[in-house]
N, C-alpha and C. Protein backbone atom coordinates (compact mmCIF):
# COMPACT_ATOMS: atom_id res chain seq x y z
N UNK A 1 0.84 -1.21 0.00
CA UNK A 1 0.00 0.00 0.00
C UNK A 1 0.87 1.25 0.00
N UNK A 2 1.82 1.29 0.90
CA UNK A 2 2.64 2.50 1.00
C UNK A 2 3.47 2.71 -0.26
N UNK A 3 3.93 1.63 -0.87
CA UNK A 3 4.72 1.76 -2.09
C UNK A 3 3.90 2.39 -3.19
N UNK A 4 2.64 1.96 -3.32
CA UNK A 4 1.78 2.52 -4.36
C UNK A 4 1.54 4.00 -4.11
N UNK A 5 1.27 4.35 -2.85
CA UNK A 5 1.02 5.75 -2.52
C UNK A 5 2.26 6.59 -2.80
N UNK A 6 3.43 6.07 -2.44
CA UNK A 6 4.66 6.81 -2.69
C UNK A 6 4.90 7.01 -4.18
N UNK A 7 4.65 5.96 -4.95
CA UNK A 7 4.84 6.07 -6.41
C UNK A 7 3.88 7.11 -6.98
N UNK A 8 2.63 7.10 -6.54
CA UNK A 8 1.67 8.11 -7.02
C UNK A 8 2.11 9.50 -6.62
N UNK A 9 2.62 9.64 -5.40
CA UNK A 9 3.07 10.93 -4.91
C UNK A 9 4.23 11.45 -5.76
N UNK A 10 5.16 10.56 -6.09
CA UNK A 10 6.29 10.94 -6.94
C UNK A 10 5.80 11.35 -8.32
N UNK A 11 4.82 10.64 -8.85
CA UNK A 11 4.27 11.00 -10.16
C UNK A 11 3.65 12.39 -10.09
N UNK A 12 2.92 12.68 -9.03
CA UNK A 12 2.30 13.99 -8.88
C UNK A 12 3.36 15.07 -8.80
N UNK A 13 4.43 14.82 -8.06
CA UNK A 13 5.52 15.79 -7.95
C UNK A 13 6.15 16.03 -9.31
N UNK A 14 6.34 14.95 -10.06
CA UNK A 14 6.95 15.07 -11.38
C UNK A 14 6.07 15.91 -12.30
N UNK A 15 4.75 15.66 -12.25
CA UNK A 15 3.83 16.42 -13.10
C UNK A 15 3.81 17.89 -12.69
N UNK A 16 3.80 18.14 -11.37
CA UNK A 16 3.81 19.53 -10.91
C UNK A 16 5.10 20.22 -11.32
N UNK A 17 6.22 19.50 -11.26
CA UNK A 17 7.50 20.08 -11.68
C UNK A 17 7.44 20.47 -13.16
N UNK A 18 6.90 19.56 -13.99
CA UNK A 18 6.76 19.86 -15.41
C UNK A 18 5.81 21.04 -15.61
N UNK A 19 4.77 21.10 -14.77
CA UNK A 19 3.79 22.17 -14.88
C UNK A 19 4.45 23.53 -14.71
N UNK A 20 5.38 23.62 -13.76
CA UNK A 20 6.04 24.90 -13.53
C UNK A 20 7.23 25.12 -14.45
N UNK A 21 7.81 24.03 -14.95
CA UNK A 21 9.03 24.16 -15.75
C UNK A 21 8.74 24.52 -17.20
N UNK A 22 7.62 24.05 -17.74
CA UNK A 22 7.35 24.23 -19.17
C UNK A 22 6.49 25.47 -19.42
N UNK A 23 6.39 25.81 -20.68
CA UNK A 23 5.64 27.01 -21.06
C UNK A 23 4.14 26.73 -21.10
N UNK A 24 3.36 27.74 -21.41
CA UNK A 24 1.90 27.64 -21.34
C UNK A 24 1.34 26.60 -22.31
N UNK A 25 1.98 26.42 -23.46
CA UNK A 25 1.47 25.45 -24.44
C UNK A 25 1.48 24.04 -23.87
N UNK A 26 2.51 23.74 -23.09
CA UNK A 26 2.63 22.38 -22.55
C UNK A 26 1.85 22.22 -21.26
N UNK A 27 1.62 23.30 -20.53
CA UNK A 27 0.95 23.17 -19.24
C UNK A 27 -0.48 22.65 -19.40
N UNK A 28 -1.14 23.04 -20.48
CA UNK A 28 -2.51 22.56 -20.68
C UNK A 28 -2.53 21.05 -20.87
N UNK A 29 -1.59 20.52 -21.63
CA UNK A 29 -1.50 19.07 -21.82
C UNK A 29 -1.21 18.39 -20.49
N UNK A 30 -0.30 18.98 -19.71
CA UNK A 30 0.06 18.38 -18.42
C UNK A 30 -1.12 18.45 -17.47
N UNK A 31 -1.87 19.55 -17.51
CA UNK A 31 -3.08 19.64 -16.68
C UNK A 31 -4.04 18.50 -17.01
N UNK A 32 -4.27 18.27 -18.29
CA UNK A 32 -5.19 17.20 -18.70
C UNK A 32 -4.67 15.84 -18.25
N UNK A 33 -3.36 15.63 -18.38
CA UNK A 33 -2.78 14.36 -17.97
C UNK A 33 -2.92 14.19 -16.46
N UNK A 34 -2.69 15.27 -15.72
CA UNK A 34 -2.80 15.20 -14.27
C UNK A 34 -4.24 14.90 -13.86
N UNK A 35 -5.21 15.51 -14.54
CA UNK A 35 -6.61 15.27 -14.23
C UNK A 35 -6.98 13.81 -14.51
N UNK A 36 -6.44 13.24 -15.60
CA UNK A 36 -6.73 11.84 -15.92
C UNK A 36 -6.17 10.92 -14.84
N UNK A 37 -4.99 11.23 -14.32
CA UNK A 37 -4.38 10.35 -13.32
C UNK A 37 -5.11 10.44 -11.99
N UNK A 38 -5.61 11.62 -11.64
CA UNK A 38 -6.22 11.78 -10.33
C UNK A 38 -7.65 11.25 -10.32
N UNK A 39 -8.34 11.28 -11.48
CA UNK A 39 -9.74 10.87 -11.49
C UNK A 39 -9.99 9.62 -12.31
């Protein structure tokens, strides 16, 4: 259980990092990808 949660947490951190690192054109794609993973 904890391993799965940690892996998901790392994925979220990675997506958030990309969200802040990339320009506006890419952030929309990352937003959609993040929404798909969370829901």
